[in-house]
Amino acid sequence: MSNQVYTPQAEPGFLGRYLLPNERCVIAVRRHPAQLLKPLAIAFGGLLVVFFFDVFLPPQPTYMRDLVWLGWLGVFGWLGWKIAEWWVDYFVVTDQRLLVTYGLLTHRVAMMPLPKVTDMSYKRTVPGRLLGYGEFIMESAGQDQALSTVTYVPRPDTLYLQICDLLFGPQADSGD
């Protein structure tokens, strides 16, 4: 479960279908694995409940135990789905746009052009500071955008500075 920041030379293979011919990937990062903590806690808690019922349910009829285990199997499948969703969820910054790709069956892409970003901030909750993730908030000039908040961003201090350099640094003024 890596949350590695990809360089343009090692960007994820799927990214090519979303980039324009003259666009360069600057950052491509998977969301922080902390996004999976709640589903993991639910699955583990469900397993404890199943063990409790398995011990205290009467031996007969056996279908009661089978139903309890089948229910937990459903919760385990849901956990697998959440992990698969996390695996395909990327935050991407190019030299022209900010993108978030997400979704398994229906793959979605939310995007905001860099010139439209008028303000960018981020916040780190106490769990975010302990685990190393944050939330980016982007604002644009008087418009609601498809991409205004990006949650569970790994290493937000470093990425924030890199994105601000793209948005407001010297090369942003020169039009490069």
C-alpha atoms as a PDB file:
ATOM      1  CA  MET A   1       0.000   0.000   0.000  1.00  0.00           C
ATOM      2  CA  SER A   2       2.337   2.672  -1.220  1.00  0.00           C
ATOM      3  CA  ASN A   3       1.424   6.313  -1.411  1.00  0.00           C
ATOM      4  CA  GLN A   4       4.460   7.142  -3.493  1.00  0.00           C
ATOM      5  CA  VAL A   5       4.633  10.394  -5.404  1.00  0.00           C
ATOM      6  CA  TYR A   6       5.297   9.534  -9.021  1.00  0.00           C
ATOM      7  CA  THR A   7       7.691  11.465 -11.149  1.00  0.00           C
ATOM      8  CA  PRO A   8       6.712  12.226 -14.751  1.00  0.00           C
ATOM      9  CA  GLN A   9       8.987   9.372 -15.880  1.00  0.00           C
ATOM     10  CA  ALA A  10       7.199   6.845 -13.590  1.00  0.00           C
ATOM     11  CA  GLU A  11       3.584   8.016 -13.731  1.00  0.00           C
ATOM     12  CA  PRO A  12       0.806   5.434 -13.481  1.00  0.00           C
ATOM     13  CA  GLY A  13       0.055   3.828 -16.857  1.00  0.00           C
ATOM     14  CA  PHE A  14      -3.625   4.772 -16.921  1.00  0.00           C
ATOM     15  CA  LEU A  15      -2.797   8.463 -16.708  1.00  0.00           C
ATOM     16  CA  GLY A  16      -1.973   8.812 -20.411  1.00  0.00           C
ATOM     17  CA  ARG A  17      -5.645   8.609 -21.376  1.00  0.00           C
ATOM     18  CA  TYR A  18      -6.413  11.738 -19.308  1.00  0.00           C
ATOM     19  CA  LEU A  19      -3.470  13.929 -20.313  1.00  0.00           C
ATOM     20  CA  LEU A  20      -3.555  16.324 -23.222  1.00  0.00           C
ATOM     21  CA  PRO A  21      -0.776  15.919 -25.825  1.00  0.00           C
ATOM     22  CA  ASN A  22       1.090  19.009 -24.568  1.00  0.00           C
ATOM     23  CA  GLU A  23       0.435  18.358 -20.856  1.00  0.00           C
ATOM     24  CA  ARG A  24       3.107  17.197 -18.412  1.00  0.00           C
ATOM     25  CA  CYS A  25       2.380  15.230 -15.233  1.00  0.00           C
ATOM     26  CA  VAL A  26       4.041  16.870 -12.223  1.00  0.00           C
ATOM     27  CA  ILE A  27       2.509  14.890  -9.340  1.00  0.00           C
ATOM     28  CA  ALA A  28       0.482  11.674  -9.297  1.00  0.00           C
ATOM     29  CA  VAL A  29      -0.243  10.266  -5.879  1.00  0.00           C
ATOM     30  CA  ARG A  30      -2.626   7.687  -4.450  1.00  0.00           C
ATOM     31  CA  ARG A  31      -4.732   8.839  -1.507  1.00  0.00           C
ATOM     32  CA  HIS A  32      -3.369   8.090   1.950  1.00  0.00           C
ATOM     33  CA  PRO A  33      -4.104   4.557   3.250  1.00  0.00           C
ATOM     34  CA  ALA A  34      -5.729   6.155   6.321  1.00  0.00           C
ATOM     35  CA  GLN A  35      -8.794   6.370   4.085  1.00  0.00           C
ATOM     36  CA  LEU A  36      -9.156   2.626   4.737  1.00  0.00           C
ATOM     37  CA  LEU A  37      -9.129   2.826   8.548  1.00  0.00           C
ATOM     38  CA  LYS A  38     -12.910   3.030   8.970  1.00  0.00           C
ATOM     39  CA  PRO A  39     -13.674   0.075   6.638  1.00  0.00           C
ATOM     40  CA  LEU A  40     -10.913  -1.951   8.344  1.00  0.00           C
ATOM     41  CA  ALA A  41     -12.333  -1.152  11.787  1.00  0.00           C
ATOM     42  CA  ILE A  42     -15.839  -2.143  10.664  1.00  0.00           C
ATOM     43  CA  ALA A  43     -14.591  -5.450   9.212  1.00  0.00           C
ATOM     44  CA  PHE A  44     -12.530  -6.232  12.328  1.00  0.00           C
ATOM     45  CA  GLY A  45     -15.419  -5.286  14.627  1.00  0.00           C
ATOM     46  CA  GLY A  46     -17.724  -7.481  12.554  1.00  0.00           C
ATOM     47  CA  LEU A  47     -15.296 -10.368  12.938  1.00  0.00           C
ATOM     48  CA  LEU A  48     -15.336  -9.953  16.713  1.00  0.00           C
ATOM     49  CA  VAL A  49     -19.144  -9.983  16.697  1.00  0.00           C
ATOM     50  CA  VAL A  50     -19.132 -13.135  14.535  1.00  0.00           C
ATOM     51  CA  PHE A  51     -16.734 -14.876  16.943  1.00  0.00           C
ATOM     52  CA  PHE A  52     -18.972 -13.870  19.853  1.00  0.00           C
ATOM     53  CA  PHE A  53     -22.065 -15.299  18.154  1.00  0.00           C
ATOM     54  CA  ASP A  54     -20.162 -18.406  17.074  1.00  0.00           C
ATOM     55  CA  VAL A  55     -19.251 -19.144  20.687  1.00  0.00           C
ATOM     56  CA  PHE A  56     -22.607 -18.335  22.288  1.00  0.00           C
ATOM     57  CA  LEU A  57     -25.136 -19.535  19.706  1.00  0.00           C
ATOM     58  CA  PRO A  58     -26.544 -23.004  20.401  1.00  0.00           C
ATOM     59  CA  PRO A  59     -24.981 -25.749  18.256  1.00  0.00           C
ATOM     60  CA  GLN A  60     -28.322 -26.497  16.613  1.00  0.00           C
ATOM     61  CA  PRO A  61     -29.646 -25.273  14.240  1.00  0.00           C
ATOM     62  CA  THR A  62     -26.404 -24.789  12.313  1.00  0.00           C
ATOM     63  CA  TYR A  63     -27.930 -22.407   9.774  1.00  0.00           C
ATOM     64  CA  MET A  64     -27.814 -19.606  12.384  1.00  0.00           C
ATOM     65  CA  ARG A  65     -24.018 -19.842  12.512  1.00  0.00           C
ATOM     66  CA  ASP A  66     -23.878 -20.054   8.737  1.00  0.00           C
ATOM     67  CA  LEU A  67     -25.964 -16.875   8.411  1.00  0.00           C
ATOM     68  CA  VAL A  68     -23.703 -15.008  10.828  1.00  0.00           C
ATOM     69  CA  TRP A  69     -20.583 -16.069   8.931  1.00  0.00           C
ATOM     70  CA  LEU A  70     -22.244 -15.292   5.614  1.00  0.00           C
ATOM     71  CA  GLY A  71     -23.027 -11.798   6.881  1.00  0.00           C
ATOM     72  CA  TRP A  72     -19.398 -11.287   7.825  1.00  0.00           C
ATOM     73  CA  LEU A  73     -18.328 -12.586   4.433  1.00  0.00           C
ATOM     74  CA  GLY A  74     -20.440  -9.786   2.941  1.00  0.00           C
ATOM     75  CA  VAL A  75     -18.671  -7.246   5.165  1.00  0.00           C
ATOM     76  CA  PHE A  76     -15.313  -8.704   4.091  1.00  0.00           C
ATOM     77  CA  GLY A  77     -16.327  -8.360   0.423  1.00  0.00           C
ATOM     78  CA  TRP A  78     -17.284  -4.723   1.086  1.00  0.00           C
ATOM     79  CA  LEU A  79     -13.818  -4.181   2.614  1.00  0.00           C
ATOM     80  CA  GLY A  80     -12.241  -5.649  -0.523  1.00  0.00           C
ATOM     81  CA  TRP A  81     -14.316  -3.236  -2.628  1.00  0.00           C
ATOM     82  CA  LYS A  82     -13.139  -0.262  -0.529  1.00  0.00           C
ATOM     83  CA  ILE A  83      -9.511  -1.344  -0.941  1.00  0.00           C
ATOM     84  CA  ALA A  84      -9.985  -1.679  -4.714  1.00  0.00           C
ATOM     85  CA  GLU A  85     -11.570   1.793  -4.845  1.00  0.00           C
ATOM     86  CA  TRP A  86      -8.633   3.218  -2.902  1.00  0.00           C
ATOM     87  CA  TRP A  87      -6.217   1.511  -5.291  1.00  0.00           C
ATOM     88  CA  VAL A  88      -7.606   3.321  -8.363  1.00  0.00           C
ATOM     89  CA  ASP A  89      -8.093   6.693  -6.632  1.00  0.00           C
ATOM     90  CA  TYR A  90      -5.388   9.219  -7.633  1.00  0.00           C
ATOM     91  CA  PHE A  91      -4.737  12.898  -7.108  1.00  0.00           C
ATOM     92  CA  VAL A  92      -2.895  14.221 -10.153  1.00  0.00           C
ATOM     93  CA  VAL A  93      -1.295  17.592 -10.772  1.00  0.00           C
ATOM     94  CA  THR A  94      -0.137  18.499 -14.249  1.00  0.00           C
ATOM     95  CA  ASP A  95       1.415  21.700 -15.496  1.00  0.00           C
ATOM     96  CA  GLN A  96      -2.108  22.766 -16.602  1.00  0.00           C
ATOM     97  CA  ARG A  97      -4.705  21.091 -14.342  1.00  0.00           C
ATOM     98  CA  LEU A  98      -5.534  19.457 -11.020  1.00  0.00           C
ATOM     99  CA  LEU A  99      -7.341  16.106 -11.385  1.00  0.00           C
ATOM    100  CA  VAL A 100      -8.806  13.447  -9.131  1.00  0.00           C
ATOM    101  CA  THR A 101      -9.547  10.071 -10.714  1.00  0.00           C
ATOM    102  CA  TYR A 102     -11.778   7.675  -8.796  1.00  0.00           C
ATOM    103  CA  GLY A 103     -14.331   4.902  -9.114  1.00  0.00           C
ATOM    104  CA  LEU A 104     -14.207   1.246 -10.070  1.00  0.00           C
ATOM    105  CA  LEU A 105     -17.199   0.462 -12.255  1.00  0.00           C
ATOM    106  CA  THR A 106     -17.892   4.052 -13.205  1.00  0.00           C
ATOM    107  CA  HIS A 107     -14.525   5.735 -13.480  1.00  0.00           C
ATOM    108  CA  ARG A 108     -14.779   9.471 -12.850  1.00  0.00           C
ATOM    109  CA  VAL A 109     -12.395  12.359 -13.280  1.00  0.00           C
ATOM    110  CA  ALA A 110     -12.842  15.684 -11.496  1.00  0.00           C
ATOM    111  CA  MET A 111     -10.702  18.501 -12.823  1.00  0.00           C
ATOM    112  CA  MET A 112      -9.844  22.150 -12.263  1.00  0.00           C
ATOM    113  CA  PRO A 113      -7.621  24.173 -14.610  1.00  0.00           C
ATOM    114  CA  LEU A 114      -4.640  25.694 -12.793  1.00  0.00           C
ATOM    115  CA  PRO A 115      -5.401  29.243 -13.995  1.00  0.00           C
ATOM    116  CA  LYS A 116      -8.860  29.026 -12.357  1.00  0.00           C
ATOM    117  CA  VAL A 117      -7.378  28.374  -8.894  1.00  0.00           C
ATOM    118  CA  THR A 118      -7.420  31.696  -7.053  1.00  0.00           C
ATOM    119  CA  ASP A 119      -6.712  30.356  -3.569  1.00  0.00           C
ATOM    120  CA  MET A 120      -5.518  27.100  -2.116  1.00  0.00           C
ATOM    121  CA  SER A 121      -5.290  26.024   1.500  1.00  0.00           C
ATOM    122  CA  TYR A 122      -5.018  22.807   3.380  1.00  0.00           C
ATOM    123  CA  LYS A 123      -5.919  21.530   6.780  1.00  0.00           C
ATOM    124  CA  ARG A 124      -4.550  18.746   8.914  1.00  0.00           C
ATOM    125  CA  THR A 125      -6.639  17.303  11.702  1.00  0.00           C
ATOM    126  CA  VAL A 126      -4.986  15.667  14.706  1.00  0.00           C
ATOM    127  CA  PRO A 127      -5.322  12.184  13.143  1.00  0.00           C
ATOM    128  CA  GLY A 128      -4.038  13.654   9.878  1.00  0.00           C
ATOM    129  CA  ARG A 129      -0.945  15.047  11.594  1.00  0.00           C
ATOM    130  CA  LEU A 130      -0.319  11.754  13.385  1.00  0.00           C
ATOM    131  CA  LEU A 131      -0.752   9.623  10.263  1.00  0.00           C
ATOM    132  CA  GLY A 132       0.644  12.037   7.656  1.00  0.00           C
ATOM    133  CA  TYR A 133      -2.321  13.161   5.574  1.00  0.00           C
ATOM    134  CA  GLY A 134      -4.289  16.336   4.991  1.00  0.00           C
ATOM    135  CA  GLU A 135      -7.095  17.922   2.996  1.00  0.00           C
ATOM    136  CA  PHE A 136      -6.609  20.444   0.183  1.00  0.00           C
ATOM    137  CA  ILE A 137      -9.213  23.145  -0.405  1.00  0.00           C
ATOM    138  CA  MET A 138      -9.132  24.974  -3.745  1.00  0.00           C
ATOM    139  CA  GLU A 139     -11.154  28.068  -4.571  1.00  0.00           C
ATOM    140  CA  SER A 140     -11.842  29.611  -7.941  1.00  0.00           C
ATOM    141  CA  ALA A 141     -13.135  33.009  -8.981  1.00  0.00           C
ATOM    142  CA  GLY A 142     -16.836  32.938  -8.141  1.00  0.00           C
ATOM    143  CA  GLN A 143     -17.577  29.488  -9.580  1.00  0.00           C
ATOM    144  CA  ASP A 144     -18.367  26.099  -8.144  1.00  0.00           C
ATOM    145  CA  GLN A 145     -15.901  23.598  -9.554  1.00  0.00           C
ATOM    146  CA  ALA A 146     -16.047  19.816  -9.835  1.00  0.00           C
ATOM    147  CA  LEU A 147     -12.872  19.742  -7.796  1.00  0.00           C
ATOM    148  CA  SER A 148     -12.855  21.932  -4.714  1.00  0.00           C
ATOM    149  CA  THR A 149     -11.696  19.552  -1.964  1.00  0.00           C
ATOM    150  CA  VAL A 150      -9.228  16.676  -2.023  1.00  0.00           C
ATOM    151  CA  THR A 151      -9.156  14.544   1.123  1.00  0.00           C
ATOM    152  CA  TYR A 152      -6.548  12.089   2.431  1.00  0.00           C
ATOM    153  CA  VAL A 153      -3.628  13.707   0.599  1.00  0.00           C
ATOM    154  CA  PRO A 154      -0.342  12.101   1.704  1.00  0.00           C
ATOM    155  CA  ARG A 155       2.555  14.360   2.734  1.00  0.00           C
ATOM    156  CA  PRO A 156       0.411  17.510   2.403  1.00  0.00           C
ATOM    157  CA  ASP A 157       3.171  19.905   3.501  1.00  0.00           C
ATOM    158  CA  THR A 158       5.443  18.906   0.615  1.00  0.00           C
ATOM    159  CA  LEU A 159       2.690  18.620  -1.983  1.00  0.00           C
ATOM    160  CA  TYR A 160       1.171  21.943  -0.932  1.00  0.00           C
ATOM    161  CA  LEU A 161       4.471  23.724  -1.562  1.00  0.00           C
ATOM    162  CA  GLN A 162       4.936  21.998  -4.923  1.00  0.00           C
ATOM    163  CA  ILE A 163       1.422  22.924  -6.056  1.00  0.00           C
ATOM    164  CA  CYS A 164       1.739  26.499  -4.796  1.00  0.00           C
ATOM    165  CA  ASP A 165       4.974  26.797  -6.735  1.00  0.00           C
ATOM    166  CA  LEU A 166       3.103  25.706  -9.873  1.00  0.00           C
ATOM    167  CA  LEU A 167       0.215  28.068  -9.166  1.00  0.00           C
ATOM    168  CA  PHE A 168       1.995  31.141  -7.915  1.00  0.00           C
ATOM    169  CA  GLY A 169       5.724  30.606  -8.548  1.00  0.00           C
ATOM    170  CA  PRO A 170       7.909  32.429 -11.059  1.00  0.00           C
ATOM    171  CA  GLN A 171       7.118  30.025 -13.935  1.00  0.00           C
ATOM    172  CA  ALA A 172       3.368  30.623 -13.381  1.00  0.00           C
ATOM    173  CA  ASP A 173       3.886  34.316 -14.181  1.00  0.00           C
ATOM    174  CA  SER A 174       6.040  33.684 -17.245  1.00  0.00           C
ATOM    175  CA  GLY A 175       3.421  31.394 -18.875  1.00  0.00           C
ATOM    176  CA  ASP A 176       5.708  28.306 -19.048  1.00  0.00           C
END
